[in-house]
Amino acid sequence: EDFPDVTATINESLGGEFDKFRRDQVRAFLQWQADIVREYA
């Protein structure tokens, strides 16, 4: 519950994991859109 804001983290291991996570959100976002489109295509 006390997990800090990672915007200014000085720990690049954690920062790199956040970048990796956000990149996967892009994949999931595109998959989400593609799944919707495929219902009609």
Full PDB file with SEQRES, HELIX, SHEET, SSBOND, CRYST1, ORIGX, SCALE, CONECT and MASTER records, all heavy atoms in Angstrom:
SEQRES   1 A   41  GLU ASP PHE PRO ASP VAL THR ALA THR ILE ASN GLU SER          
SEQRES   2 A   41  LEU GLY GLY GLU PHE ASP LYS PHE ARG ARG ASP GLN VAL          
SEQRES   3 A   41  ARG ALA PHE LEU GLN TRP GLN ALA ASP ILE VAL ARG GLU          
SEQRES   4 A   41  TYR ALA                                                      
HELIX    1 AA1 GLU A   12  ARG A   38  1                                  27    
CRYST1    1.000    1.000    1.000  90.00  90.00  90.00 P 1           1          
ORIGX1      1.000000  0.000000  0.000000        0.00000                         
ORIGX2      0.000000  1.000000  0.000000        0.00000                         
ORIGX3      0.000000  0.000000  1.000000        0.00000                         
SCALE1      1.000000  0.000000  0.000000        0.00000                         
SCALE2      0.000000  1.000000  0.000000        0.00000                         
SCALE3      0.000000  0.000000  1.000000        0.00000                         
ATOM      1  N   GLU A   1       0.825  -1.216   0.000  1.00  0.00           N  
ATOM      2  CA  GLU A   1       0.000   0.000   0.000  1.00  0.00           C  
ATOM      3  C   GLU A   1       0.856   1.261   0.000  1.00  0.00           C  
ATOM      4  O   GLU A   1       0.389   2.333  -0.410  1.00  0.00           O  
ATOM      5  CB  GLU A   1      -0.920   0.013   1.226  1.00  0.00           C  
ATOM      6  CG  GLU A   1      -2.038  -1.016   1.210  1.00  0.00           C  
ATOM      7  CD  GLU A   1      -1.553  -2.424   1.518  1.00  0.00           C  
ATOM      8  OE1 GLU A   1      -0.430  -2.576   2.078  1.00  0.00           O  
ATOM      9  OE2 GLU A   1      -2.291  -3.375   1.200  1.00  0.00           O  
ATOM     10  N   ASP A   2       2.115   1.137   0.438  1.00  0.00           N  
ATOM     11  CA  ASP A   2       3.010   2.295   0.500  1.00  0.00           C  
ATOM     12  C   ASP A   2       3.943   2.376  -0.707  1.00  0.00           C  
ATOM     13  O   ASP A   2       4.917   3.134  -0.675  1.00  0.00           O  
ATOM     14  CB  ASP A   2       3.861   2.237   1.776  1.00  0.00           C  
ATOM     15  CG  ASP A   2       3.023   2.384   3.038  1.00  0.00           C  
ATOM     16  OD1 ASP A   2       1.931   2.986   2.942  1.00  0.00           O  
ATOM     17  OD2 ASP A   2       3.458   1.886   4.097  1.00  0.00           O  
ATOM     18  N   PHE A   3       3.651   1.623  -1.736  1.00  0.00           N  
ATOM     19  CA  PHE A   3       4.552   1.625  -2.897  1.00  0.00           C  
ATOM     20  C   PHE A   3       4.681   3.048  -3.435  1.00  0.00           C  
ATOM     21  O   PHE A   3       3.683   3.706  -3.722  1.00  0.00           O  
ATOM     22  CB  PHE A   3       4.030   0.703  -3.996  1.00  0.00           C  
ATOM     23  CG  PHE A   3       5.110   0.161  -4.879  1.00  0.00           C  
ATOM     24  CD1 PHE A   3       5.612  -1.110  -4.676  1.00  0.00           C  
ATOM     25  CD2 PHE A   3       5.652   0.933  -5.901  1.00  0.00           C  
ATOM     26  CE1 PHE A   3       6.623  -1.622  -5.477  1.00  0.00           C  
ATOM     27  CE2 PHE A   3       6.654   0.450  -6.710  1.00  0.00           C  
ATOM     28  CZ  PHE A   3       7.156  -0.838  -6.495  1.00  0.00           C  
ATOM     29  N   PRO A   4       5.907   3.545  -3.582  1.00  0.00           N  
ATOM     30  CA  PRO A   4       6.076   4.955  -3.949  1.00  0.00           C  
ATOM     31  C   PRO A   4       5.856   5.214  -5.432  1.00  0.00           C  
ATOM     32  O   PRO A   4       5.913   4.298  -6.259  1.00  0.00           O  
ATOM     33  CB  PRO A   4       7.543   5.226  -3.575  1.00  0.00           C  
ATOM     34  CG  PRO A   4       8.212   3.908  -3.759  1.00  0.00           C  
ATOM     35  CD  PRO A   4       7.199   2.872  -3.346  1.00  0.00           C  
ATOM     36  N   ASP A   5       5.611   6.454  -5.757  1.00  0.00           N  
ATOM     37  CA  ASP A   5       5.589   6.919  -7.146  1.00  0.00           C  
ATOM     38  C   ASP A   5       6.956   6.622  -7.767  1.00  0.00           C  
ATOM     39  O   ASP A   5       7.994   6.929  -7.195  1.00  0.00           O  
ATOM     40  CB  ASP A   5       5.317   8.423  -7.154  1.00  0.00           C  
ATOM     41  CG  ASP A   5       5.102   8.994  -8.546  1.00  0.00           C  
ATOM     42  OD1 ASP A   5       5.854   8.626  -9.469  1.00  0.00           O  
ATOM     43  OD2 ASP A   5       4.194   9.826  -8.704  1.00  0.00           O  
ATOM     44  N   VAL A   6       6.942   5.990  -8.951  1.00  0.00           N  
ATOM     45  CA  VAL A   6       8.219   5.589  -9.566  1.00  0.00           C  
ATOM     46  C   VAL A   6       8.733   6.614 -10.585  1.00  0.00           C  
ATOM     47  O   VAL A   6       9.754   6.389 -11.230  1.00  0.00           O  
ATOM     48  CB  VAL A   6       8.099   4.218 -10.252  1.00  0.00           C  
ATOM     49  CG1 VAL A   6       7.746   3.141  -9.247  1.00  0.00           C  
ATOM     50  CG2 VAL A   6       7.093   4.260 -11.406  1.00  0.00           C  
ATOM     51  N   THR A   7       8.044   7.748 -10.699  1.00  0.00           N  
ATOM     52  CA  THR A   7       8.424   8.728 -11.721  1.00  0.00           C  
ATOM     53  C   THR A   7       9.884   9.142 -11.600  1.00  0.00           C  
ATOM     54  O   THR A   7      10.590   9.263 -12.603  1.00  0.00           O  
ATOM     55  CB  THR A   7       7.528   9.983 -11.626  1.00  0.00           C  
ATOM     56  OG1 THR A   7       6.156   9.597 -11.728  1.00  0.00           O  
ATOM     57  CG2 THR A   7       7.868  10.976 -12.726  1.00  0.00           C  
ATOM     58  N   ALA A   8      10.342   9.353 -10.386  1.00  0.00           N  
ATOM     59  CA  ALA A   8      11.702   9.861 -10.178  1.00  0.00           C  
ATOM     60  C   ALA A   8      12.600   8.826  -9.516  1.00  0.00           C  
ATOM     61  O   ALA A   8      13.566   9.177  -8.844  1.00  0.00           O  
ATOM     62  CB  ALA A   8      11.662  11.133  -9.341  1.00  0.00           C  
ATOM     63  N   THR A   9      12.295   7.543  -9.706  1.00  0.00           N  
ATOM     64  CA  THR A   9      13.107   6.516  -9.057  1.00  0.00           C  
ATOM     65  C   THR A   9      14.579   6.644  -9.450  1.00  0.00           C  
ATOM     66  O   THR A   9      14.907   6.996 -10.587  1.00  0.00           O  
ATOM     67  CB  THR A   9      12.598   5.107  -9.393  1.00  0.00           C  
ATOM     68  OG1 THR A   9      13.394   4.144  -8.683  1.00  0.00           O  
ATOM     69  CG2 THR A   9      12.694   4.816 -10.883  1.00  0.00           C  
ATOM     70  N   ILE A  10      15.472   6.366  -8.485  1.00  0.00           N  
ATOM     71  CA  ILE A  10      16.912   6.361  -8.767  1.00  0.00           C  
ATOM     72  C   ILE A  10      17.401   4.933  -8.984  1.00  0.00           C  
ATOM     73  O   ILE A  10      18.595   4.702  -9.158  1.00  0.00           O  
ATOM     74  CB  ILE A  10      17.719   7.034  -7.631  1.00  0.00           C  
ATOM     75  CG1 ILE A  10      17.325   6.478  -6.251  1.00  0.00           C  
ATOM     76  CG2 ILE A  10      17.522   8.543  -7.684  1.00  0.00           C  
ATOM     77  CD1 ILE A  10      18.000   5.203  -5.830  1.00  0.00           C  
ATOM     78  N   ASN A  11      16.464   3.991  -8.987  1.00  0.00           N  
ATOM     79  CA  ASN A  11      16.816   2.582  -9.150  1.00  0.00           C  
ATOM     80  C   ASN A  11      16.440   2.150 -10.562  1.00  0.00           C  
ATOM     81  O   ASN A  11      15.261   1.922 -10.850  1.00  0.00           O  
ATOM     82  CB  ASN A  11      16.084   1.739  -8.093  1.00  0.00           C  
ATOM     83  CG  ASN A  11      16.519   0.296  -8.108  1.00  0.00           C  
ATOM     84  OD1 ASN A  11      16.384  -0.381  -9.114  1.00  0.00           O  
ATOM     85  ND2 ASN A  11      17.044  -0.174  -6.985  1.00  0.00           N  
ATOM     86  N   GLU A  12      17.436   2.011 -11.438  1.00  0.00           N  
ATOM     87  CA  GLU A  12      17.127   1.699 -12.826  1.00  0.00           C  
ATOM     88  C   GLU A  12      16.634   0.268 -13.007  1.00  0.00           C  
ATOM     89  O   GLU A  12      15.959  -0.032 -13.990  1.00  0.00           O  
ATOM     90  CB  GLU A  12      18.327   1.955 -13.729  1.00  0.00           C  
ATOM     91  CG  GLU A  12      18.120   1.620 -15.200  1.00  0.00           C  
ATOM     92  CD  GLU A  12      16.855   2.200 -15.809  1.00  0.00           C  
ATOM     93  OE1 GLU A  12      16.358   3.234 -15.318  1.00  0.00           O  
ATOM     94  OE2 GLU A  12      16.355   1.612 -16.782  1.00  0.00           O  
ATOM     95  N   SER A  13      16.920  -0.623 -12.072  1.00  0.00           N  
ATOM     96  CA  SER A  13      16.338  -1.959 -12.157  1.00  0.00           C  
ATOM     97  C   SER A  13      14.817  -1.872 -12.063  1.00  0.00           C  
ATOM     98  O   SER A  13      14.089  -2.506 -12.835  1.00  0.00           O  
ATOM     99  CB  SER A  13      16.891  -2.855 -11.056  1.00  0.00           C  
ATOM    100  OG  SER A  13      18.275  -3.033 -11.200  1.00  0.00           O  
ATOM    101  N   LEU A  14      14.329  -1.061 -11.120  1.00  0.00           N  
ATOM    102  CA  LEU A  14      12.894  -0.852 -10.993  1.00  0.00           C  
ATOM    103  C   LEU A  14      12.368  -0.022 -12.164  1.00  0.00           C  
ATOM    104  O   LEU A  14      11.311  -0.318 -12.730  1.00  0.00           O  
ATOM    105  CB  LEU A  14      12.582  -0.157  -9.670  1.00  0.00           C  
ATOM    106  CG  LEU A  14      11.100   0.088  -9.366  1.00  0.00           C  
ATOM    107  CD1 LEU A  14      10.341  -1.227  -9.252  1.00  0.00           C  
ATOM    108  CD2 LEU A  14      10.941   0.916  -8.085  1.00  0.00           C  
ATOM    109  N   GLY A  15      13.112   1.031 -12.535  1.00  0.00           N  
ATOM    110  CA  GLY A  15      12.693   1.859 -13.664  1.00  0.00           C  
ATOM    111  C   GLY A  15      12.624   1.070 -14.955  1.00  0.00           C  
ATOM    112  O   GLY A  15      11.709   1.250 -15.765  1.00  0.00           O  
ATOM    113  N   GLY A  16      13.588   0.191 -15.166  1.00  0.00           N  
ATOM    114  CA  GLY A  16      13.573  -0.635 -16.365  1.00  0.00           C  
ATOM    115  C   GLY A  16      12.402  -1.598 -16.383  1.00  0.00           C  
ATOM    116  O   GLY A  16      11.815  -1.864 -17.438  1.00  0.00           O  
ATOM    117  N   GLU A  17      12.041  -2.112 -15.197  1.00  0.00           N  
ATOM    118  CA  GLU A  17      10.876  -2.998 -15.111  1.00  0.00           C  
ATOM    119  C   GLU A  17       9.595  -2.227 -15.428  1.00  0.00           C  
ATOM    120  O   GLU A  17       8.674  -2.761 -16.065  1.00  0.00           O  
ATOM    121  CB  GLU A  17      10.790  -3.611 -13.722  1.00  0.00           C  
ATOM    122  CG  GLU A  17       9.816  -4.762 -13.593  1.00  0.00           C  
ATOM    123  CD  GLU A  17      10.310  -6.052 -14.236  1.00  0.00           C  
ATOM    124  OE1 GLU A  17      11.531  -6.192 -14.487  1.00  0.00           O  
ATOM    125  OE2 GLU A  17       9.464  -6.937 -14.485  1.00  0.00           O  
ATOM    126  N   PHE A  18       9.529  -0.980 -14.990  1.00  0.00           N  
ATOM    127  CA  PHE A  18       8.371  -0.142 -15.307  1.00  0.00           C  
ATOM    128  C   PHE A  18       8.283   0.106 -16.804  1.00  0.00           C  
ATOM    129  O   PHE A  18       7.198   0.035 -17.393  1.00  0.00           O  
ATOM    130  CB  PHE A  18       8.475   1.180 -14.543  1.00  0.00           C  
ATOM    131  CG  PHE A  18       7.269   2.077 -14.683  1.00  0.00           C  
ATOM    132  CD1 PHE A  18       5.988   1.586 -14.510  1.00  0.00           C  
ATOM    133  CD2 PHE A  18       7.430   3.429 -14.963  1.00  0.00           C  
ATOM    134  CE1 PHE A  18       4.871   2.418 -14.616  1.00  0.00           C  
ATOM    135  CE2 PHE A  18       6.322   4.275 -15.072  1.00  0.00           C  
ATOM    136  CZ  PHE A  18       5.047   3.761 -14.905  1.00  0.00           C  
ATOM    137  N   ASP A  19       9.409   0.361 -17.456  1.00  0.00           N  
ATOM    138  CA  ASP A  19       9.407   0.527 -18.907  1.00  0.00           C  
ATOM    139  C   ASP A  19       8.942  -0.749 -19.601  1.00  0.00           C  
ATOM    140  O   ASP A  19       8.153  -0.709 -20.560  1.00  0.00           O  
ATOM    141  CB  ASP A  19      10.803   0.898 -19.407  1.00  0.00           C  
ATOM    142  CG  ASP A  19      11.174   2.334 -19.099  1.00  0.00           C  
ATOM    143  OD1 ASP A  19      10.299   3.091 -18.639  1.00  0.00           O  
ATOM    144  OD2 ASP A  19      12.342   2.700 -19.317  1.00  0.00           O  
ATOM    145  N   LYS A  20       9.443  -1.875 -19.140  1.00  0.00           N  
ATOM    146  CA  LYS A  20       9.039  -3.169 -19.714  1.00  0.00           C  
ATOM    147  C   LYS A  20       7.540  -3.368 -19.555  1.00  0.00           C  
ATOM    148  O   LYS A  20       6.845  -3.806 -20.486  1.00  0.00           O  
ATOM    149  CB  LYS A  20       9.816  -4.293 -19.026  1.00  0.00           C  
ATOM    150  CG  LYS A  20       9.462  -5.689 -19.504  1.00  0.00           C  
ATOM    151  CD  LYS A  20      10.268  -6.728 -18.732  1.00  0.00           C  
ATOM    152  CE  LYS A  20       9.892  -8.147 -19.136  1.00  0.00           C  
ATOM    153  NZ  LYS A  20      10.661  -9.150 -18.376  1.00  0.00           N  
ATOM    154  N   PHE A  21       7.023  -3.048 -18.380  1.00  0.00           N  
ATOM    155  CA  PHE A  21       5.585  -3.165 -18.114  1.00  0.00           C  
ATOM    156  C   PHE A  21       4.794  -2.265 -19.054  1.00  0.00           C  
ATOM    157  O   PHE A  21       3.787  -2.681 -19.637  1.00  0.00           O  
ATOM    158  CB  PHE A  21       5.307  -2.803 -16.660  1.00  0.00           C  
ATOM    159  CG  PHE A  21       3.851  -2.617 -16.354  1.00  0.00           C  
ATOM    160  CD1 PHE A  21       3.032  -3.707 -16.153  1.00  0.00           C  
ATOM    161  CD2 PHE A  21       3.307  -1.339 -16.273  1.00  0.00           C  
ATOM    162  CE1 PHE A  21       1.671  -3.535 -15.874  1.00  0.00           C  
ATOM    163  CE2 PHE A  21       1.958  -1.158 -15.997  1.00  0.00           C  
ATOM    164  CZ  PHE A  21       1.140  -2.265 -15.792  1.00  0.00           C  
ATOM    165  N   ARG A  22       5.245  -1.025 -19.204  1.00  0.00           N  
ATOM    166  CA  ARG A  22       4.508  -0.094 -20.061  1.00  0.00           C  
ATOM    167  C   ARG A  22       4.561  -0.528 -21.523  1.00  0.00           C  
ATOM    168  O   ARG A  22       3.577  -0.359 -22.264  1.00  0.00           O  
ATOM    169  CB  ARG A  22       5.045   1.326 -19.887  1.00  0.00           C  
ATOM    170  CG  ARG A  22       4.716   1.921 -18.519  1.00  0.00           C  
ATOM    171  CD  ARG A  22       5.098   3.380 -18.412  1.00  0.00           C  
ATOM    172  NE  ARG A  22       6.544   3.584 -18.470  1.00  0.00           N  
ATOM    173  CZ  ARG A  22       7.128   4.781 -18.443  1.00  0.00           C  
ATOM    174  NH1 ARG A  22       6.378   5.880 -18.376  1.00  0.00           N  
ATOM    175  NH2 ARG A  22       8.443   4.892 -18.478  1.00  0.00           N  
ATOM    176  N   ARG A  23       5.684  -1.067 -21.959  1.00  0.00           N  
ATOM    177  CA  ARG A  23       5.735  -1.586 -23.330  1.00  0.00           C  
ATOM    178  C   ARG A  23       4.697  -2.695 -23.519  1.00  0.00           C  
ATOM    179  O   ARG A  23       4.072  -2.797 -24.578  1.00  0.00           O  
ATOM    180  CB  ARG A  23       7.135  -2.102 -23.654  1.00  0.00           C  
ATOM    181  CG  ARG A  23       8.157  -1.022 -23.907  1.00  0.00           C  
ATOM    182  CD  ARG A  23       9.438  -1.590 -24.510  1.00  0.00           C  
ATOM    183  NE  ARG A  23      10.116  -2.500 -23.597  1.00  0.00           N  
ATOM    184  CZ  ARG A  23      11.037  -2.119 -22.718  1.00  0.00           C  
ATOM    185  NH1 ARG A  23      11.389  -0.840 -22.629  1.00  0.00           N  
ATOM    186  NH2 ARG A  23      11.632  -3.005 -21.932  1.00  0.00           N  
ATOM    187  N   ASP A  24       4.524  -3.520 -22.490  1.00  0.00           N  
ATOM    188  CA  ASP A  24       3.534  -4.591 -22.624  1.00  0.00           C  
ATOM    189  C   ASP A  24       2.117  -4.045 -22.625  1.00  0.00           C  
ATOM    190  O   ASP A  24       1.216  -4.674 -23.186  1.00  0.00           O  
ATOM    191  CB  ASP A  24       3.702  -5.619 -21.503  1.00  0.00           C  
ATOM    192  CG  ASP A  24       2.976  -6.916 -21.830  1.00  0.00           C  
ATOM    193  OD1 ASP A  24       3.283  -7.519 -22.883  1.00  0.00           O  
ATOM    194  OD2 ASP A  24       2.090  -7.323 -21.053  1.00  0.00           O  
ATOM    195  N   GLN A  25       1.898  -2.881 -22.024  1.00  0.00           N  
ATOM    196  CA  GLN A  25       0.582  -2.252 -22.112  1.00  0.00           C  
ATOM    197  C   GLN A  25       0.271  -1.828 -23.549  1.00  0.00           C  
ATOM    198  O   GLN A  25      -0.895  -1.834 -23.964  1.00  0.00           O  
ATOM    199  CB  GLN A  25       0.494  -1.049 -21.173  1.00  0.00           C  
ATOM    200  CG  GLN A  25       0.651  -1.397 -19.701  1.00  0.00           C  
ATOM    201  CD  GLN A  25      -0.184  -2.581 -19.282  1.00  0.00           C  
ATOM    202  OE1 GLN A  25      -1.419  -2.546 -19.355  1.00  0.00           O  
ATOM    203  NE2 GLN A  25       0.476  -3.650 -18.845  1.00  0.00           N  
ATOM    204  N   VAL A  26       1.295  -1.472 -24.306  1.00  0.00           N  
ATOM    205  CA  VAL A  26       1.098  -1.154 -25.727  1.00  0.00           C  
ATOM    206  C   VAL A  26       0.649  -2.406 -26.472  1.00  0.00           C  
ATOM    207  O   VAL A  26      -0.292  -2.375 -27.277  1.00  0.00           O  
ATOM    208  CB  VAL A  26       2.393  -0.583 -26.349  1.00  0.00           C  
ATOM    209  CG1 VAL A  26       2.197  -0.333 -27.844  1.00  0.00           C  
ATOM    210  CG2 VAL A  26       2.799   0.704 -25.643  1.00  0.00           C  
ATOM    211  N   ARG A  27       1.335  -3.524 -26.222  1.00  0.00           N  
ATOM    212  CA  ARG A  27       0.920  -4.781 -26.851  1.00  0.00           C  
ATOM    213  C   ARG A  27      -0.529  -5.100 -26.494  1.00  0.00           C  
ATOM    214  O   ARG A  27      -1.335  -5.444 -27.375  1.00  0.00           O  
ATOM    215  CB  ARG A  27       1.840  -5.920 -26.392  1.00  0.00           C  
ATOM    216  CG  ARG A  27       1.454  -7.293 -26.963  1.00  0.00           C  
ATOM    217  CD  ARG A  27       1.899  -8.435 -26.061  1.00  0.00           C  
ATOM    218  NE  ARG A  27       1.422  -8.327 -24.704  1.00  0.00           N  
ATOM    219  CZ  ARG A  27       0.176  -8.631 -24.319  1.00  0.00           C  
ATOM    220  NH1 ARG A  27      -0.716  -9.059 -25.222  1.00  0.00           N  
ATOM    221  NH2 ARG A  27      -0.193  -8.498 -23.051  1.00  0.00           N  
ATOM    222  N   ALA A  28      -0.860  -5.007 -25.218  1.00  0.00           N  
ATOM    223  CA  ALA A  28      -2.218  -5.332 -24.778  1.00  0.00           C  
ATOM    224  C   ALA A  28      -3.246  -4.383 -25.380  1.00  0.00           C  
ATOM    225  O   ALA A  28      -4.362  -4.796 -25.731  1.00  0.00           O  
ATOM    226  CB  ALA A  28      -2.287  -5.289 -23.249  1.00  0.00           C  
ATOM    227  N   PHE A  29      -2.889  -3.109 -25.496  1.00  0.00           N  
ATOM    228  CA  PHE A  29      -3.793  -2.114 -26.088  1.00  0.00           C  
ATOM    229  C   PHE A  29      -4.080  -2.445 -27.549  1.00  0.00           C  
ATOM    230  O   PHE A  29      -5.238  -2.405 -27.996  1.00  0.00           O  
ATOM    231  CB  PHE A  29      -3.149  -0.735 -25.963  1.00  0.00           C  
ATOM    232  CG  PHE A  29      -3.915   0.380 -26.620  1.00  0.00           C  
ATOM    233  CD1 PHE A  29      -5.020   0.938 -26.002  1.00  0.00           C  
ATOM    234  CD2 PHE A  29      -3.524   0.888 -27.853  1.00  0.00           C  
ATOM    235  CE1 PHE A  29      -5.735   1.977 -26.602  1.00  0.00           C  
ATOM    236  CE2 PHE A  29      -4.221   1.920 -28.457  1.00  0.00           C  
ATOM    237  CZ  PHE A  29      -5.328   2.461 -27.830  1.00  0.00           C  
ATOM    238  N   LEU A  30      -3.041  -2.782 -28.308  1.00  0.00           N  
ATOM    239  CA  LEU A  30      -3.254  -3.132 -29.711  1.00  0.00           C  
ATOM    240  C   LEU A  30      -4.048  -4.423 -29.839  1.00  0.00           C  
ATOM    241  O   LEU A  30      -4.908  -4.553 -30.725  1.00  0.00           O  
ATOM    242  CB  LEU A  30      -1.908  -3.255 -30.428  1.00  0.00           C  
ATOM    243  CG  LEU A  30      -1.110  -1.959 -30.573  1.00  0.00           C  
ATOM    244  CD1 LEU A  30       0.243  -2.233 -31.212  1.00  0.00           C  
ATOM    245  CD2 LEU A  30      -1.882  -0.920 -31.384  1.00  0.00           C  
ATOM    246  N   GLN A  31      -3.783  -5.390 -28.956  1.00  0.00           N  
ATOM    247  CA  GLN A  31      -4.554  -6.634 -28.979  1.00  0.00           C  
ATOM    248  C   GLN A  31      -6.013  -6.365 -28.668  1.00  0.00           C  
ATOM    249  O   GLN A  31      -6.917  -6.955 -29.286  1.00  0.00           O  
ATOM    250  CB  GLN A  31      -3.973  -7.629 -27.979  1.00  0.00           C  
ATOM    251  CG  GLN A  31      -4.615  -9.011 -28.042  1.00  0.00           C  
ATOM    252  CD  GLN A  31      -4.292  -9.717 -29.336  1.00  0.00           C  
ATOM    253  OE1 GLN A  31      -3.124 -10.019 -29.617  1.00  0.00           O  
ATOM    254  NE2 GLN A  31      -5.305  -9.981 -30.151  1.00  0.00           N  
ATOM    255  N   TRP A  32      -6.256  -5.483 -27.699  1.00  0.00           N  
ATOM    256  CA  TRP A  32      -7.629  -5.099 -27.344  1.00  0.00           C  
ATOM    257  C   TRP A  32      -8.359  -4.522 -28.552  1.00  0.00           C  
ATOM    258  O   TRP A  32      -9.496  -4.914 -28.850  1.00  0.00           O  
ATOM    259  CB  TRP A  32      -7.566  -4.098 -26.191  1.00  0.00           C  
ATOM    260  CG  TRP A  32      -8.829  -3.379 -25.864  1.00  0.00           C  
ATOM    261  CD1 TRP A  32      -9.904  -3.885 -25.201  1.00  0.00           C  
ATOM    262  CD2 TRP A  32      -9.144  -2.018 -26.181  1.00  0.00           C  
ATOM    263  NE1 TRP A  32     -10.875  -2.914 -25.081  1.00  0.00           N  
ATOM    264  CE2 TRP A  32     -10.437  -1.763 -25.669  1.00  0.00           C  
ATOM    265  CE3 TRP A  32      -8.450  -0.995 -26.825  1.00  0.00           C  
ATOM    266  CZ2 TRP A  32     -11.056  -0.521 -25.803  1.00  0.00           C  
ATOM    267  CZ3 TRP A  32      -9.059   0.251 -26.958  1.00  0.00           C  
ATOM    268  CH2 TRP A  32     -10.349   0.475 -26.452  1.00  0.00           C  
ATOM    269  N   GLN A  33      -7.717  -3.615 -29.266  1.00  0.00           N  
ATOM    270  CA  GLN A  33      -8.357  -3.034 -30.445  1.00  0.00           C  
ATOM    271  C   GLN A  33      -8.559  -4.077 -31.539  1.00  0.00           C  
ATOM    272  O   GLN A  33      -9.619  -4.150 -32.168  1.00  0.00           O  
ATOM    273  CB  GLN A  33      -7.516  -1.874 -30.991  1.00  0.00           C  
ATOM    274  CG  GLN A  33      -7.547  -0.628 -30.158  1.00  0.00           C  
ATOM    275  CD  GLN A  33      -7.516   0.644 -30.991  1.00  0.00           C  
ATOM    276  OE1 GLN A  33      -7.760   0.637 -32.192  1.00  0.00           O  
ATOM    277  NE2 GLN A  33      -7.230   1.742 -30.353  1.00  0.00           N  
ATOM    278  N   ALA A  34      -7.533  -4.891 -31.779  1.00  0.00           N  
ATOM    279  CA  ALA A  34      -7.633  -5.898 -32.835  1.00  0.00           C  
ATOM    280  C   ALA A  34      -8.766  -6.886 -32.549  1.00  0.00           C  
ATOM    281  O   ALA A  34      -9.488  -7.307 -33.469  1.00  0.00           O  
ATOM    282  CB  ALA A  34      -6.303  -6.626 -32.991  1.00  0.00           C  
ATOM    283  N   ASP A  35      -8.940  -7.259 -31.290  1.00  0.00           N  
ATOM    284  CA  ASP A  35     -10.009  -8.188 -30.932  1.00  0.00           C  
ATOM    285  C   ASP A  35     -11.385  -7.581 -31.215  1.00  0.00           C  
ATOM    286  O   ASP A  35     -12.307  -8.285 -31.668  1.00  0.00           O  
ATOM    287  CB  ASP A  35      -9.906  -8.578 -29.454  1.00  0.00           C  
ATOM    288  CG  ASP A  35      -8.723  -9.499 -29.164  1.00  0.00           C  
ATOM    289  OD1 ASP A  35      -8.151 -10.063 -30.124  1.00  0.00           O  
ATOM    290  OD2 ASP A  35      -8.362  -9.630 -27.975  1.00  0.00           O  
ATOM    291  N   ILE A  36     -11.523  -6.296 -30.946  1.00  0.00           N  
ATOM    292  CA  ILE A  36     -12.801  -5.632 -31.238  1.00  0.00           C  
ATOM    293  C   ILE A  36     -13.046  -5.606 -32.745  1.00  0.00           C  
ATOM    294  O   ILE A  36     -14.122  -5.958 -33.231  1.00  0.00           O  
ATOM    295  CB  ILE A  36     -12.814  -4.200 -30.677  1.00  0.00           C  
ATOM    296  CG1 ILE A  36     -12.730  -4.218 -29.156  1.00  0.00           C  
ATOM    297  CG2 ILE A  36     -14.068  -3.451 -31.131  1.00  0.00           C  
ATOM    298  CD1 ILE A  36     -12.489  -2.850 -28.536  1.00  0.00           C  
ATOM    299  N   VAL A  37     -12.033  -5.189 -33.498  1.00  0.00           N  
ATOM    300  CA  VAL A  37     -12.185  -5.100 -34.952  1.00  0.00           C  
ATOM    301  C   VAL A  37     -12.505  -6.463 -35.546  1.00  0.00           C  
ATOM    302  O   VAL A  37     -13.345  -6.588 -36.449  1.00  0.00           O  
ATOM    303  CB  VAL A  37     -10.910  -4.510 -35.589  1.00  0.00           C  
ATOM    304  CG1 VAL A  37     -10.976  -4.596 -37.107  1.00  0.00           C  
ATOM    305  CG2 VAL A  37     -10.714  -3.060 -35.148  1.00  0.00           C  
ATOM    306  N   ARG A  38     -11.857  -7.514 -35.041  1.00  0.00           N  
ATOM    307  CA  ARG A  38     -12.044  -8.847 -35.607  1.00  0.00           C  
ATOM    308  C   ARG A  38     -13.474  -9.345 -35.446  1.00  0.00           C  
ATOM    309  O   ARG A  38     -13.929 -10.205 -36.210  1.00  0.00           O  
ATOM    310  CB  ARG A  38     -11.040  -9.804 -34.965  1.00  0.00           C  
ATOM    311  CG  ARG A  38     -11.000 -11.207 -35.541  1.00  0.00           C  
ATOM    312  CD  ARG A  38     -10.919 -11.243 -37.051  1.00  0.00           C  
ATOM    313  NE  ARG A  38      -9.682 -10.743 -37.615  1.00  0.00           N  
ATOM    314  CZ  ARG A  38      -9.503 -10.509 -38.910  1.00  0.00           C  
ATOM    315  NH1 ARG A  38     -10.501 -10.708 -39.766  1.00  0.00           N  
ATOM    316  NH2 ARG A  38      -8.354 -10.049 -39.358  1.00  0.00           N  
ATOM    317  N   GLU A  39     -14.216  -8.797 -34.475  1.00  0.00           N  
ATOM    318  CA  GLU A  39     -15.620  -9.183 -34.324  1.00  0.00           C  
ATOM    319  C   GLU A  39     -16.440  -8.806 -35.556  1.00  0.00           C  
ATOM    320  O   GLU A  39     -17.486  -9.426 -35.822  1.00  0.00           O  
ATOM    321  CB  GLU A  39     -16.221  -8.524 -33.082  1.00  0.00           C  
ATOM    322  CG  GLU A  39     -15.667  -9.034 -31.758  1.00  0.00           C  
ATOM    323  CD  GLU A  39     -16.342  -8.375 -30.577  1.00  0.00           C  
ATOM    324  OE1 GLU A  39     -17.559  -8.079 -30.679  1.00  0.00           O  
ATOM    325  OE2 GLU A  39     -15.672  -8.136 -29.551  1.00  0.00           O  
ATOM    326  N   TYR A  40     -16.000  -7.797 -36.292  1.00  0.00           N  
ATOM    327  CA  TYR A  40     -16.763  -7.308 -37.441  1.00  0.00           C  
ATOM    328  C   TYR A  40     -16.067  -7.603 -38.776  1.00  0.00           C  
ATOM    329  O   TYR A  40     -16.735  -7.663 -39.811  1.00  0.00           O  
ATOM    330  CB  TYR A  40     -16.968  -5.789 -37.321  1.00  0.00           C  
ATOM    331  CG  TYR A  40     -17.624  -5.379 -36.030  1.00  0.00           C  
ATOM    332  CD1 TYR A  40     -16.863  -4.981 -34.927  1.00  0.00           C  
ATOM    333  CD2 TYR A  40     -19.009  -5.411 -35.883  1.00  0.00           C  
ATOM    334  CE1 TYR A  40     -17.457  -4.610 -33.735  1.00  0.00           C  
ATOM    335  CE2 TYR A  40     -19.619  -5.045 -34.690  1.00  0.00           C  
ATOM    336  CZ  TYR A  40     -18.833  -4.649 -33.621  1.00  0.00           C  
ATOM    337  OH  TYR A  40     -19.435  -4.301 -32.434  1.00  0.00           O  
ATOM    338  N   ALA A  41     -14.752  -7.762 -38.750  1.00  0.00           N  
ATOM    339  CA  ALA A  41     -14.003  -7.922 -39.995  1.00  0.00           C  
ATOM    340  C   ALA A  41     -14.327  -9.247 -40.665  1.00  0.00           C  
ATOM    341  O   ALA A  41     -14.578 -10.256 -40.009  1.00  0.00           O  
ATOM    342  CB  ALA A  41     -12.502  -7.834 -39.705  1.00  0.00           C  
TER     343      ALA A  41                                                      
MASTER        0    0    0    1    0    0    0    6  342    1    0    4          
END                                                                             
